[in-house]
Amino acid sequence: MSKQVDVIVIGAGQAGLAAGYHLKKSGLQFLILESSGESAGSWPKYYDSLKLFSPARYSTLPGMSFPGPGDRYPLRDEVIAYLKDYALHFQFPIVYNSHVSAIQQESGTFRIITMSGETYQARNLICATGSFSRPFIPEIDGQNDFKGKVLHSSEYLRPDAFLDQSVIVVGRGNSAVQIAIELSEVAKTTLAVHEPVSLLPQRFLGRDIHFWLKVTGVDSFWSFGKAAANSSSVMDLGGYKKRLNAGHPVQKQMFTAFNSDGVIWPDGSNEKADAVIFATGFRSNLNFLQDIGALDGNGNPLQKAGISNNVPGLYFVGLSGQRTFSSATIRGVGRDASYVVNQILR
């Protein structure tokens, strides 16, 4: 027999937990379905040295501050511990190891089916799986001929696996720059970019940039959200400009093709490489919504500000640029979760 509640939340990462906080305050009966065995979202899959580009004081979910000094930039494992503690503190009704495989809708009710055969019913559905569940690697000529290793940044963990190798990192965003700078300490590293890396100063007039974003209100500008979320500018977390200017790593215009030993640069020159790491982002992984007509032709949700355009009762939290440019971050997801839950209450 199906379990029926007011709201089902899919995903117990930062977006799902923020939704859980506001749902608990609302008094609605809800469940959070999490495909893994922990409430840490995608964070355990990220590379070991990953650090937030916003200070701890601004990197919080609603109702519980990030522990420790507020001016530091928390590392990956600190974020994982915080998310787990958050779920434990608020005692959310999370059903772990519940991977959603299909969703049906009939007479205003959603029927959620998991891979284990469990079924749930709810009048409202919040998809909180975020934007980082399906790694994207572009197709490039000759890739199948390359004898080295091709991987996505989501598979990269630490630099010691590439000691004394020749590595090319593709991309110009935060992850690409962090990984390439780290690798340049132990390997011959090249950063392949379509345009040179654009750096933003982490501090302005003695304050972290996130202070100014908050006090000016820019952090919550709705109309600013999508464009800013798509920006590839990188926060200079410490010496990035100096390192890049010194050629550690070297920046080169994106290669045009692979060959068996490496890559071919636009000027026709060849460079041997042991590995190529693509820090080229992610794509939506919401196939379970396909049957109810909630996605466009590219598999992206048809939504505005987290509200489905054509499926009543369907909502989203954690999408990049959903309402603001911080919508897919710990510091911004709480606002969107509050907005969505208020829409459900209406």
C-alpha atoms as a PDB file:
ATOM      1  CA  MET A   1       0.000   0.000   0.000  1.00  0.00           C
ATOM      2  CA  SER A   2       1.328   3.445  -0.921  1.00  0.00           C
ATOM      3  CA  LYS A   3       2.356   5.874   1.830  1.00  0.00           C
ATOM      4  CA  GLN A   4       0.578   9.210   1.349  1.00  0.00           C
ATOM      5  CA  VAL A   5       1.746  12.614   2.611  1.00  0.00           C
ATOM      6  CA  ASP A   6       1.231  16.276   1.750  1.00  0.00           C
ATOM      7  CA  VAL A   7       4.686  16.720   0.194  1.00  0.00           C
ATOM      8  CA  ILE A   8       7.432  14.427  -1.062  1.00  0.00           C
ATOM      9  CA  VAL A   9      10.924  15.909  -1.381  1.00  0.00           C
ATOM     10  CA  ILE A  10      13.358  14.101  -3.680  1.00  0.00           C
ATOM     11  CA  GLY A  11      16.927  14.506  -2.458  1.00  0.00           C
ATOM     12  CA  ALA A  12      18.415  15.077   0.997  1.00  0.00           C
ATOM     13  CA  GLY A  13      21.333  17.283   0.017  1.00  0.00           C
ATOM     14  CA  GLN A  14      21.478  20.975   0.848  1.00  0.00           C
ATOM     15  CA  ALA A  15      18.367  21.784  -1.230  1.00  0.00           C
ATOM     16  CA  GLY A  16      16.262  18.971   0.208  1.00  0.00           C
ATOM     17  CA  LEU A  17      17.327  19.758   3.764  1.00  0.00           C
ATOM     18  CA  ALA A  18      16.449  23.443   3.328  1.00  0.00           C
ATOM     19  CA  ALA A  19      13.048  22.398   1.982  1.00  0.00           C
ATOM     20  CA  GLY A  20      12.668  20.065   4.970  1.00  0.00           C
ATOM     21  CA  TYR A  21      13.321  22.918   7.395  1.00  0.00           C
ATOM     22  CA  HIS A  22      10.556  25.093   5.966  1.00  0.00           C
ATOM     23  CA  LEU A  23       8.160  22.165   5.567  1.00  0.00           C
ATOM     24  CA  LYS A  24       8.627  21.233   9.218  1.00  0.00           C
ATOM     25  CA  LYS A  25       7.814  24.812  10.233  1.00  0.00           C
ATOM     26  CA  SER A  26       4.720  24.747   8.010  1.00  0.00           C
ATOM     27  CA  GLY A  27       3.137  21.760   9.744  1.00  0.00           C
ATOM     28  CA  LEU A  28       2.688  19.886   6.468  1.00  0.00           C
ATOM     29  CA  GLN A  29       3.203  16.140   6.515  1.00  0.00           C
ATOM     30  CA  PHE A  30       6.213  15.279   4.365  1.00  0.00           C
ATOM     31  CA  LEU A  31       8.923  12.753   3.549  1.00  0.00           C
ATOM     32  CA  ILE A  32      12.364  13.215   2.030  1.00  0.00           C
ATOM     33  CA  LEU A  33      13.516  10.436  -0.293  1.00  0.00           C
ATOM     34  CA  GLU A  34      17.292  10.119  -0.601  1.00  0.00           C
ATOM     35  CA  SER A  35      18.946   7.771  -3.086  1.00  0.00           C
ATOM     36  CA  SER A  36      22.117   7.326  -1.021  1.00  0.00           C
ATOM     37  CA  GLY A  37      22.657   6.338   2.585  1.00  0.00           C
ATOM     38  CA  GLU A  38      23.519   9.819   3.895  1.00  0.00           C
ATOM     39  CA  SER A  39      22.262  13.404   3.848  1.00  0.00           C
ATOM     40  CA  ALA A  40      25.228  15.027   2.138  1.00  0.00           C
ATOM     41  CA  GLY A  41      24.101  15.470  -1.462  1.00  0.00           C
ATOM     42  CA  SER A  42      26.911  15.448  -4.027  1.00  0.00           C
ATOM     43  CA  TRP A  43      29.565  16.701  -1.603  1.00  0.00           C
ATOM     44  CA  PRO A  44      31.163  13.295  -0.865  1.00  0.00           C
ATOM     45  CA  LYS A  45      31.880  12.931  -4.603  1.00  0.00           C
ATOM     46  CA  TYR A  46      33.902  16.138  -4.889  1.00  0.00           C
ATOM     47  CA  TYR A  47      37.696  16.360  -4.766  1.00  0.00           C
ATOM     48  CA  ASP A  48      39.353  16.288  -1.353  1.00  0.00           C
ATOM     49  CA  SER A  49      40.677  19.856  -1.278  1.00  0.00           C
ATOM     50  CA  LEU A  50      37.506  21.582  -2.473  1.00  0.00           C
ATOM     51  CA  LYS A  51      36.719  24.655  -0.461  1.00  0.00           C
ATOM     52  CA  LEU A  52      33.698  26.955  -0.476  1.00  0.00           C
ATOM     53  CA  PHE A  53      34.226  30.354  -2.043  1.00  0.00           C
ATOM     54  CA  SER A  54      31.930  31.947   0.536  1.00  0.00           C
ATOM     55  CA  PRO A  55      32.972  32.298   4.208  1.00  0.00           C
ATOM     56  CA  ALA A  56      31.399  30.056   6.852  1.00  0.00           C
ATOM     57  CA  ARG A  57      29.226  32.863   8.236  1.00  0.00           C
ATOM     58  CA  TYR A  58      27.434  33.126   4.880  1.00  0.00           C
ATOM     59  CA  SER A  59      27.446  29.390   4.076  1.00  0.00           C
ATOM     60  CA  THR A  60      24.531  28.296   6.220  1.00  0.00           C
ATOM     61  CA  LEU A  61      21.186  26.599   5.832  1.00  0.00           C
ATOM     62  CA  PRO A  62      18.195  28.135   7.640  1.00  0.00           C
ATOM     63  CA  GLY A  63      18.050  27.685  11.393  1.00  0.00           C
ATOM     64  CA  MET A  64      21.600  26.432  12.045  1.00  0.00           C
ATOM     65  CA  SER A  65      24.885  28.333  11.649  1.00  0.00           C
ATOM     66  CA  PHE A  66      27.974  26.747  10.182  1.00  0.00           C
ATOM     67  CA  PRO A  67      30.240  25.899  13.148  1.00  0.00           C
ATOM     68  CA  GLY A  68      33.640  27.461  13.780  1.00  0.00           C
ATOM     69  CA  PRO A  69      35.182  30.828  12.870  1.00  0.00           C
ATOM     70  CA  GLY A  70      32.953  32.708  10.465  1.00  0.00           C
ATOM     71  CA  ASP A  71      35.689  34.186   8.284  1.00  0.00           C
ATOM     72  CA  ARG A  72      37.232  30.932   7.093  1.00  0.00           C
ATOM     73  CA  TYR A  73      36.360  29.089   3.862  1.00  0.00           C
ATOM     74  CA  PRO A  74      35.116  25.591   4.811  1.00  0.00           C
ATOM     75  CA  LEU A  75      36.563  22.510   3.144  1.00  0.00           C
ATOM     76  CA  ARG A  76      34.566  19.688   1.577  1.00  0.00           C
ATOM     77  CA  ASP A  77      34.614  17.402   4.632  1.00  0.00           C
ATOM     78  CA  GLU A  78      33.428  20.221   6.879  1.00  0.00           C
ATOM     79  CA  VAL A  79      30.437  20.773   4.595  1.00  0.00           C
ATOM     80  CA  ILE A  80      29.608  17.050   4.638  1.00  0.00           C
ATOM     81  CA  ALA A  81      29.709  17.000   8.453  1.00  0.00           C
ATOM     82  CA  TYR A  82      27.544  20.132   8.625  1.00  0.00           C
ATOM     83  CA  LEU A  83      24.855  18.687   6.350  1.00  0.00           C
ATOM     84  CA  LYS A  84      24.718  15.427   8.308  1.00  0.00           C
ATOM     85  CA  ASP A  85      24.523  17.301  11.619  1.00  0.00           C
ATOM     86  CA  TYR A  86      21.792  19.525  10.192  1.00  0.00           C
ATOM     87  CA  ALA A  87      19.600  16.542   9.245  1.00  0.00           C
ATOM     88  CA  LEU A  88      20.194  14.951  12.639  1.00  0.00           C
ATOM     89  CA  HIS A  89      19.499  18.165  14.548  1.00  0.00           C
ATOM     90  CA  PHE A  90      16.099  18.746  12.945  1.00  0.00           C
ATOM     91  CA  GLN A  91      15.171  15.045  12.819  1.00  0.00           C
ATOM     92  CA  PHE A  92      13.756  15.218   9.315  1.00  0.00           C
ATOM     93  CA  PRO A  93      11.743  12.211   8.078  1.00  0.00           C
ATOM     94  CA  ILE A  94      14.329  10.973   5.573  1.00  0.00           C
ATOM     95  CA  VAL A  95      13.999   7.623   3.826  1.00  0.00           C
ATOM     96  CA  TYR A  96      17.523   6.656   2.785  1.00  0.00           C
ATOM     97  CA  ASN A  97      18.490   4.351  -0.107  1.00  0.00           C
ATOM     98  CA  SER A  98      15.308   5.331  -1.930  1.00  0.00           C
ATOM     99  CA  HIS A  99      16.238   5.991  -5.552  1.00  0.00           C
ATOM    100  CA  VAL A 100      13.251   7.386  -7.463  1.00  0.00           C
ATOM    101  CA  SER A 101      12.796   5.630 -10.788  1.00  0.00           C
ATOM    102  CA  ALA A 102       9.448   6.951 -12.026  1.00  0.00           C
ATOM    103  CA  ILE A 103       6.710   9.422 -11.224  1.00  0.00           C
ATOM    104  CA  GLN A 104       3.101   9.272 -12.317  1.00  0.00           C
ATOM    105  CA  GLN A 105       0.311  11.782 -11.760  1.00  0.00           C
ATOM    106  CA  GLU A 106      -3.401  11.174 -11.653  1.00  0.00           C
ATOM    107  CA  SER A 107      -6.278  13.265 -10.302  1.00  0.00           C
ATOM    108  CA  GLY A 108      -3.926  15.802  -8.732  1.00  0.00           C
ATOM    109  CA  THR A 109      -1.868  13.199  -6.869  1.00  0.00           C
ATOM    110  CA  PHE A 110       1.728  12.183  -7.547  1.00  0.00           C
ATOM    111  CA  ARG A 111       2.717   8.545  -7.339  1.00  0.00           C
ATOM    112  CA  ILE A 112       6.423   8.141  -6.702  1.00  0.00           C
ATOM    113  CA  ILE A 113       8.008   4.759  -7.457  1.00  0.00           C
ATOM    114  CA  THR A 114      11.468   3.789  -6.210  1.00  0.00           C
ATOM    115  CA  MET A 115      13.899   1.250  -7.653  1.00  0.00           C
ATOM    116  CA  SER A 116      13.301  -0.987  -4.630  1.00  0.00           C
ATOM    117  CA  GLY A 117       9.592  -1.151  -5.464  1.00  0.00           C
ATOM    118  CA  GLU A 118       8.330   1.163  -2.714  1.00  0.00           C
ATOM    119  CA  THR A 119       5.615   3.624  -3.732  1.00  0.00           C
ATOM    120  CA  TYR A 120       4.598   6.930  -2.186  1.00  0.00           C
ATOM    121  CA  GLN A 121       1.775   9.363  -2.867  1.00  0.00           C
ATOM    122  CA  ALA A 122       1.696  13.106  -2.350  1.00  0.00           C
ATOM    123  CA  ARG A 123      -0.321  16.114  -3.446  1.00  0.00           C
ATOM    124  CA  ASN A 124       2.886  18.109  -3.948  1.00  0.00           C
ATOM    125  CA  LEU A 125       6.369  17.173  -5.116  1.00  0.00           C
ATOM    126  CA  ILE A 126       9.627  19.077  -4.593  1.00  0.00           C
ATOM    127  CA  CYS A 127      12.585  17.985  -6.726  1.00  0.00           C
ATOM    128  CA  ALA A 128      15.717  18.913  -4.785  1.00  0.00           C
ATOM    129  CA  THR A 129      18.298  16.910  -6.692  1.00  0.00           C
ATOM    130  CA  GLY A 130      20.148  20.078  -7.698  1.00  0.00           C
ATOM    131  CA  SER A 131      22.180  20.630 -10.844  1.00  0.00           C
ATOM    132  CA  PHE A 132      25.203  18.429 -10.223  1.00  0.00           C
ATOM    133  CA  SER A 133      24.145  14.838 -10.736  1.00  0.00           C
ATOM    134  CA  ARG A 134      25.058  14.151 -14.394  1.00  0.00           C
ATOM    135  CA  PRO A 135      28.649  15.073 -15.389  1.00  0.00           C
ATOM    136  CA  PHE A 136      29.057  16.523 -18.878  1.00  0.00           C
ATOM    137  CA  ILE A 137      32.038  15.842 -21.153  1.00  0.00           C
ATOM    138  CA  PRO A 138      31.861  17.343 -24.665  1.00  0.00           C
ATOM    139  CA  GLU A 139      32.568  15.173 -27.696  1.00  0.00           C
ATOM    140  CA  ILE A 140      35.889  16.105 -29.305  1.00  0.00           C
ATOM    141  CA  ASP A 141      37.457  14.680 -32.464  1.00  0.00           C
ATOM    142  CA  GLY A 142      39.865  11.810 -31.864  1.00  0.00           C
ATOM    143  CA  GLN A 143      38.855  11.229 -28.268  1.00  0.00           C
ATOM    144  CA  ASN A 144      38.450   7.486 -28.796  1.00  0.00           C
ATOM    145  CA  ASP A 145      42.017   7.292 -30.159  1.00  0.00           C
ATOM    146  CA  PHE A 146      43.568   8.887 -27.092  1.00  0.00           C
ATOM    147  CA  LYS A 147      45.521   6.309 -25.062  1.00  0.00           C
ATOM    148  CA  GLY A 148      45.658   8.401 -21.901  1.00  0.00           C
ATOM    149  CA  LYS A 149      43.013   8.880 -19.246  1.00  0.00           C
ATOM    150  CA  VAL A 150      39.927  11.020 -19.799  1.00  0.00           C
ATOM    151  CA  LEU A 151      37.887  11.919 -16.752  1.00  0.00           C
ATOM    152  CA  HIS A 152      35.432  14.490 -15.438  1.00  0.00           C
ATOM    153  CA  SER A 153      36.300  16.739 -12.521  1.00  0.00           C
ATOM    154  CA  SER A 154      33.694  14.840 -10.483  1.00  0.00           C
ATOM    155  CA  GLU A 155      36.020  11.806 -10.670  1.00  0.00           C
ATOM    156  CA  TYR A 156      39.101  13.737  -9.546  1.00  0.00           C
ATOM    157  CA  LEU A 157      39.945  13.357  -5.846  1.00  0.00           C
ATOM    158  CA  ARG A 158      43.555  14.364  -5.165  1.00  0.00           C
ATOM    159  CA  PRO A 159      46.762  15.305  -7.048  1.00  0.00           C
ATOM    160  CA  ASP A 160      49.010  12.446  -5.929  1.00  0.00           C
ATOM    161  CA  ALA A 161      47.486  10.138  -8.557  1.00  0.00           C
ATOM    162  CA  PHE A 162      49.035  12.409 -11.226  1.00  0.00           C
ATOM    163  CA  LEU A 163      52.523  12.810  -9.782  1.00  0.00           C
ATOM    164  CA  ASP A 164      55.089  13.767 -12.472  1.00  0.00           C
ATOM    165  CA  GLN A 165      52.513  13.336 -15.244  1.00  0.00           C
ATOM    166  CA  SER A 166      51.407  15.711 -17.990  1.00  0.00           C
ATOM    167  CA  VAL A 167      47.819  16.787 -17.320  1.00  0.00           C
ATOM    168  CA  ILE A 168      45.426  19.056 -19.205  1.00  0.00           C
ATOM    169  CA  VAL A 169      42.451  20.512 -17.331  1.00  0.00           C
ATOM    170  CA  VAL A 170      39.601  21.795 -19.498  1.00  0.00           C
ATOM    171  CA  GLY A 171      37.516  24.688 -18.178  1.00  0.00           C
ATOM    172  CA  ARG A 172      37.778  28.147 -16.632  1.00  0.00           C
ATOM    173  CA  GLY A 173      35.391  27.976 -13.660  1.00  0.00           C
ATOM    174  CA  ASN A 174      36.106  27.553  -9.957  1.00  0.00           C
ATOM    175  CA  SER A 175      36.621  23.790 -10.062  1.00  0.00           C
ATOM    176  CA  ALA A 176      38.866  23.936 -13.136  1.00  0.00           C
ATOM    177  CA  VAL A 177      41.097  26.589 -11.612  1.00  0.00           C
ATOM    178  CA  GLN A 178      41.274  24.984  -8.166  1.00  0.00           C
ATOM    179  CA  ILE A 179      42.152  21.574  -9.629  1.00  0.00           C
ATOM    180  CA  ALA A 180      44.685  22.939 -12.139  1.00  0.00           C
ATOM    181  CA  ILE A 181      46.489  25.042  -9.530  1.00  0.00           C
ATOM    182  CA  GLU A 182      46.627  22.096  -7.149  1.00  0.00           C
ATOM    183  CA  LEU A 183      47.922  19.762  -9.872  1.00  0.00           C
ATOM    184  CA  SER A 184      50.585  22.239 -10.970  1.00  0.00           C
ATOM    185  CA  GLU A 185      52.386  21.521  -7.688  1.00  0.00           C
ATOM    186  CA  VAL A 186      53.035  17.894  -8.664  1.00  0.00           C
ATOM    187  CA  ALA A 187      52.520  17.641 -12.440  1.00  0.00           C
ATOM    188  CA  LYS A 188      53.074  19.487 -15.713  1.00  0.00           C
ATOM    189  CA  THR A 189      49.671  21.125 -15.927  1.00  0.00           C
ATOM    190  CA  THR A 190      47.937  23.068 -18.687  1.00  0.00           C
ATOM    191  CA  LEU A 191      44.576  24.796 -18.392  1.00  0.00           C
ATOM    192  CA  ALA A 192      42.700  24.594 -21.712  1.00  0.00           C
ATOM    193  CA  VAL A 193      40.260  27.500 -22.031  1.00  0.00           C
ATOM    194  CA  HIS A 194      38.113  29.162 -24.674  1.00  0.00           C
ATOM    195  CA  GLU A 195      38.819  32.516 -22.977  1.00  0.00           C
ATOM    196  CA  PRO A 196      41.379  33.405 -20.287  1.00  0.00           C
ATOM    197  CA  VAL A 197      40.286  32.863 -16.695  1.00  0.00           C
ATOM    198  CA  SER A 198      38.395  35.816 -15.256  1.00  0.00           C
ATOM    199  CA  LEU A 199      39.189  36.371 -11.576  1.00  0.00           C
ATOM    200  CA  LEU A 200      37.135  38.273  -9.014  1.00  0.00           C
ATOM    201  CA  PRO A 201      38.821  39.645  -5.894  1.00  0.00           C
ATOM    202  CA  GLN A 202      37.721  37.757  -2.798  1.00  0.00           C
ATOM    203  CA  ARG A 203      37.955  40.903  -0.676  1.00  0.00           C
ATOM    204  CA  PHE A 204      36.951  44.510  -1.370  1.00  0.00           C
ATOM    205  CA  LEU A 205      37.631  47.416   1.012  1.00  0.00           C
ATOM    206  CA  GLY A 206      38.724  44.953   3.676  1.00  0.00           C
ATOM    207  CA  ARG A 207      35.562  42.820   3.511  1.00  0.00           C
ATOM    208  CA  ASP A 208      34.811  39.538   1.777  1.00  0.00           C
ATOM    209  CA  ILE A 209      32.817  40.141  -1.383  1.00  0.00           C
ATOM    210  CA  HIS A 210      29.892  38.174   0.063  1.00  0.00           C
ATOM    211  CA  PHE A 211      29.486  40.866   2.715  1.00  0.00           C
ATOM    212  CA  TRP A 212      28.905  43.443  -0.007  1.00  0.00           C
ATOM    213  CA  LEU A 213      26.581  41.143  -1.928  1.00  0.00           C
ATOM    214  CA  LYS A 214      24.451  40.782   1.189  1.00  0.00           C
ATOM    215  CA  VAL A 215      24.362  44.393   2.404  1.00  0.00           C
ATOM    216  CA  THR A 216      23.612  45.752  -1.075  1.00  0.00           C
ATOM    217  CA  GLY A 217      20.874  43.166  -1.678  1.00  0.00           C
ATOM    218  CA  VAL A 218      22.523  41.999  -4.915  1.00  0.00           C
ATOM    219  CA  ASP A 219      22.659  38.484  -3.446  1.00  0.00           C
ATOM    220  CA  SER A 220      18.870  38.230  -3.699  1.00  0.00           C
ATOM    221  CA  PHE A 221      18.199  40.096  -6.961  1.00  0.00           C
ATOM    222  CA  TRP A 222      15.778  37.858  -8.841  1.00  0.00           C
ATOM    223  CA  SER A 223      16.398  39.360 -12.289  1.00  0.00           C
ATOM    224  CA  PHE A 224      20.151  39.045 -11.780  1.00  0.00           C
ATOM    225  CA  GLY A 225      20.009  35.335 -10.994  1.00  0.00           C
ATOM    226  CA  LYS A 226      20.279  33.426 -14.269  1.00  0.00           C
ATOM    227  CA  ALA A 227      22.912  35.615 -15.917  1.00  0.00           C
ATOM    228  CA  ALA A 228      25.137  35.676 -12.830  1.00  0.00           C
ATOM    229  CA  ALA A 229      24.734  31.941 -12.241  1.00  0.00           C
ATOM    230  CA  ASN A 230      26.039  31.316 -15.755  1.00  0.00           C
ATOM    231  CA  SER A 231      29.083  33.500 -15.182  1.00  0.00           C
ATOM    232  CA  SER A 232      32.412  31.669 -15.262  1.00  0.00           C
ATOM    233  CA  SER A 233      34.275  34.232 -13.173  1.00  0.00           C
ATOM    234  CA  VAL A 234      36.384  32.675 -10.421  1.00  0.00           C
ATOM    235  CA  MET A 235      36.797  33.894  -6.853  1.00  0.00           C
ATOM    236  CA  ASP A 236      40.489  34.378  -6.103  1.00  0.00           C
ATOM    237  CA  LEU A 237      40.692  32.324  -2.901  1.00  0.00           C
ATOM    238  CA  GLY A 238      44.372  32.990  -2.427  1.00  0.00           C
ATOM    239  CA  GLY A 239      47.147  33.697  -4.890  1.00  0.00           C
ATOM    240  CA  TYR A 240      45.294  32.476  -7.980  1.00  0.00           C
ATOM    241  CA  LYS A 241      46.187  35.571 -10.013  1.00  0.00           C
ATOM    242  CA  LYS A 242      49.858  35.329  -9.069  1.00  0.00           C
ATOM    243  CA  ARG A 243      49.988  31.618  -9.869  1.00  0.00           C
ATOM    244  CA  LEU A 244      48.264  31.977 -13.237  1.00  0.00           C
ATOM    245  CA  ASN A 245      50.443  34.938 -14.238  1.00  0.00           C
ATOM    246  CA  ALA A 246      53.510  32.845 -13.415  1.00  0.00           C
ATOM    247  CA  GLY A 247      52.273  30.002 -15.631  1.00  0.00           C
ATOM    248  CA  HIS A 248      51.392  27.579 -12.838  1.00  0.00           C
ATOM    249  CA  PRO A 249      49.336  26.329 -14.595  1.00  0.00           C
ATOM    250  CA  VAL A 250      49.872  27.512 -18.161  1.00  0.00           C
ATOM    251  CA  GLN A 251      46.730  28.698 -19.947  1.00  0.00           C
ATOM    252  CA  LYS A 252      46.247  27.740 -23.602  1.00  0.00           C
ATOM    253  CA  GLN A 253      43.453  28.197 -26.113  1.00  0.00           C
ATOM    254  CA  MET A 254      41.235  25.087 -26.060  1.00  0.00           C
ATOM    255  CA  PHE A 255      42.632  22.221 -28.136  1.00  0.00           C
ATOM    256  CA  THR A 256      40.829  21.234 -31.330  1.00  0.00           C
ATOM    257  CA  ALA A 257      41.268  17.461 -31.248  1.00  0.00           C
ATOM    258  CA  PHE A 258      42.844  14.476 -29.563  1.00  0.00           C
ATOM    259  CA  ASN A 259      45.442  12.178 -31.057  1.00  0.00           C
ATOM    260  CA  SER A 260      46.720   8.903 -29.646  1.00  0.00           C
ATOM    261  CA  ASP A 261      49.369  10.547 -27.451  1.00  0.00           C
ATOM    262  CA  GLY A 262      47.692  13.763 -26.435  1.00  0.00           C
ATOM    263  CA  VAL A 263      46.001  16.798 -27.973  1.00  0.00           C
ATOM    264  CA  ILE A 264      46.284  19.108 -30.969  1.00  0.00           C
ATOM    265  CA  TRP A 265      46.270  22.837 -30.229  1.00  0.00           C
ATOM    266  CA  PRO A 266      44.714  25.448 -32.589  1.00  0.00           C
ATOM    267  CA  ASP A 267      48.113  26.291 -34.085  1.00  0.00           C
ATOM    268  CA  GLY A 268      48.508  22.668 -35.181  1.00  0.00           C
ATOM    269  CA  SER A 269      51.106  21.748 -32.570  1.00  0.00           C
ATOM    270  CA  ASN A 270      50.857  18.467 -30.678  1.00  0.00           C
ATOM    271  CA  GLU A 271      51.270  17.999 -26.948  1.00  0.00           C
ATOM    272  CA  LYS A 272      51.624  14.702 -25.165  1.00  0.00           C
ATOM    273  CA  ALA A 273      49.334  14.154 -22.205  1.00  0.00           C
ATOM    274  CA  ASP A 274      48.836  11.398 -19.668  1.00  0.00           C
ATOM    275  CA  ALA A 275      45.396  12.625 -18.627  1.00  0.00           C
ATOM    276  CA  VAL A 276      42.739  15.151 -19.588  1.00  0.00           C
ATOM    277  CA  ILE A 277      40.334  16.322 -16.883  1.00  0.00           C
ATOM    278  CA  PHE A 278      37.116  17.994 -18.030  1.00  0.00           C
ATOM    279  CA  ALA A 279      35.781  20.538 -15.537  1.00  0.00           C
ATOM    280  CA  THR A 280      32.908  21.227 -17.917  1.00  0.00           C
ATOM    281  CA  GLY A 281      29.915  21.179 -15.632  1.00  0.00           C
ATOM    282  CA  PHE A 282      26.838  19.032 -15.306  1.00  0.00           C
ATOM    283  CA  ARG A 283      23.463  18.469 -16.919  1.00  0.00           C
ATOM    284  CA  SER A 284      20.022  17.895 -15.425  1.00  0.00           C
ATOM    285  CA  ASN A 285      19.296  14.311 -14.431  1.00  0.00           C
ATOM    286  CA  LEU A 286      15.526  14.364 -14.004  1.00  0.00           C
ATOM    287  CA  ASN A 287      14.436  11.545 -16.293  1.00  0.00           C
ATOM    288  CA  PHE A 288      11.905  10.371 -13.725  1.00  0.00           C
ATOM    289  CA  LEU A 289       9.853  13.489 -14.572  1.00  0.00           C
ATOM    290  CA  GLN A 290       9.672  12.688 -18.289  1.00  0.00           C
ATOM    291  CA  ASP A 291       6.365  10.796 -18.134  1.00  0.00           C
ATOM    292  CA  ILE A 292       4.460  13.724 -16.615  1.00  0.00           C
ATOM    293  CA  GLY A 293       5.619  16.255 -19.234  1.00  0.00           C
ATOM    294  CA  ALA A 294       7.707  18.374 -16.866  1.00  0.00           C
ATOM    295  CA  LEU A 295      10.859  18.589 -19.009  1.00  0.00           C
ATOM    296  CA  ASP A 296      11.871  20.289 -22.233  1.00  0.00           C
ATOM    297  CA  GLY A 297      13.538  18.545 -25.177  1.00  0.00           C
ATOM    298  CA  ASN A 298      16.941  18.747 -23.499  1.00  0.00           C
ATOM    299  CA  GLY A 299      15.758  17.213 -20.249  1.00  0.00           C
ATOM    300  CA  ASN A 300      15.698  20.511 -18.363  1.00  0.00           C
ATOM    301  CA  PRO A 301      12.761  21.361 -16.086  1.00  0.00           C
ATOM    302  CA  LEU A 302      10.085  23.657 -17.460  1.00  0.00           C
ATOM    303  CA  GLN A 303       9.858  26.018 -14.516  1.00  0.00           C
ATOM    304  CA  LYS A 304      10.010  29.598 -13.337  1.00  0.00           C
ATOM    305  CA  ALA A 305      11.367  30.468  -9.896  1.00  0.00           C
ATOM    306  CA  GLY A 306      11.020  26.834  -8.870  1.00  0.00           C
ATOM    307  CA  ILE A 307       7.399  26.405  -9.907  1.00  0.00           C
ATOM    308  CA  SER A 308       6.602  24.024 -12.755  1.00  0.00           C
ATOM    309  CA  ASN A 309       5.159  25.760 -15.809  1.00  0.00           C
ATOM    310  CA  ASN A 310       2.757  22.980 -16.717  1.00  0.00           C
ATOM    311  CA  VAL A 311       2.479  20.432 -13.869  1.00  0.00           C
ATOM    312  CA  PRO A 312       0.434  21.726 -10.896  1.00  0.00           C
ATOM    313  CA  GLY A 313       1.919  20.738  -7.563  1.00  0.00           C
ATOM    314  CA  LEU A 314       5.462  20.245  -8.912  1.00  0.00           C
ATOM    315  CA  TYR A 315       8.277  22.418  -7.545  1.00  0.00           C
ATOM    316  CA  PHE A 316      12.069  22.647  -7.651  1.00  0.00           C
ATOM    317  CA  VAL A 317      14.760  23.755  -5.206  1.00  0.00           C
ATOM    318  CA  GLY A 318      18.504  23.973  -5.826  1.00  0.00           C
ATOM    319  CA  LEU A 319      18.577  24.701  -9.560  1.00  0.00           C
ATOM    320  CA  SER A 320      21.340  26.969 -10.804  1.00  0.00           C
ATOM    321  CA  GLY A 321      19.968  30.504 -11.278  1.00  0.00           C
ATOM    322  CA  GLN A 322      16.527  29.432 -10.083  1.00  0.00           C
ATOM    323  CA  ARG A 323      15.762  32.784  -8.449  1.00  0.00           C
ATOM    324  CA  THR A 324      19.165  34.283  -7.652  1.00  0.00           C
ATOM    325  CA  PHE A 325      22.758  33.583  -8.642  1.00  0.00           C
ATOM    326  CA  SER A 326      23.258  31.787  -5.308  1.00  0.00           C
ATOM    327  CA  SER A 327      20.258  29.465  -5.743  1.00  0.00           C
ATOM    328  CA  ALA A 328      22.433  26.359  -6.135  1.00  0.00           C
ATOM    329  CA  THR A 329      24.611  27.144  -3.106  1.00  0.00           C
ATOM    330  CA  ILE A 330      24.314  26.519   0.618  1.00  0.00           C
ATOM    331  CA  ARG A 331      23.988  30.235   1.274  1.00  0.00           C
ATOM    332  CA  GLY A 332      21.192  30.785  -1.229  1.00  0.00           C
ATOM    333  CA  VAL A 333      19.094  27.635  -1.267  1.00  0.00           C
ATOM    334  CA  GLY A 334      17.220  28.468   1.933  1.00  0.00           C
ATOM    335  CA  ARG A 335      15.533  31.517   0.396  1.00  0.00           C
ATOM    336  CA  ASP A 336      14.279  29.489  -2.542  1.00  0.00           C
ATOM    337  CA  ALA A 337      13.052  26.685  -0.272  1.00  0.00           C
ATOM    338  CA  SER A 338      11.069  29.203   1.780  1.00  0.00           C
ATOM    339  CA  TYR A 339       9.536  30.666  -1.377  1.00  0.00           C
ATOM    340  CA  VAL A 340       8.503  27.235  -2.713  1.00  0.00           C
ATOM    341  CA  VAL A 341       6.971  26.076   0.566  1.00  0.00           C
ATOM    342  CA  ASN A 342       4.995  29.314   0.777  1.00  0.00           C
ATOM    343  CA  GLN A 343       3.654  28.633  -2.714  1.00  0.00           C
ATOM    344  CA  ILE A 344       2.536  25.168  -1.574  1.00  0.00           C
ATOM    345  CA  LEU A 345       0.772  26.663   1.468  1.00  0.00           C
ATOM    346  CA  ARG A 346      -1.176  28.996  -0.798  1.00  0.00           C
END
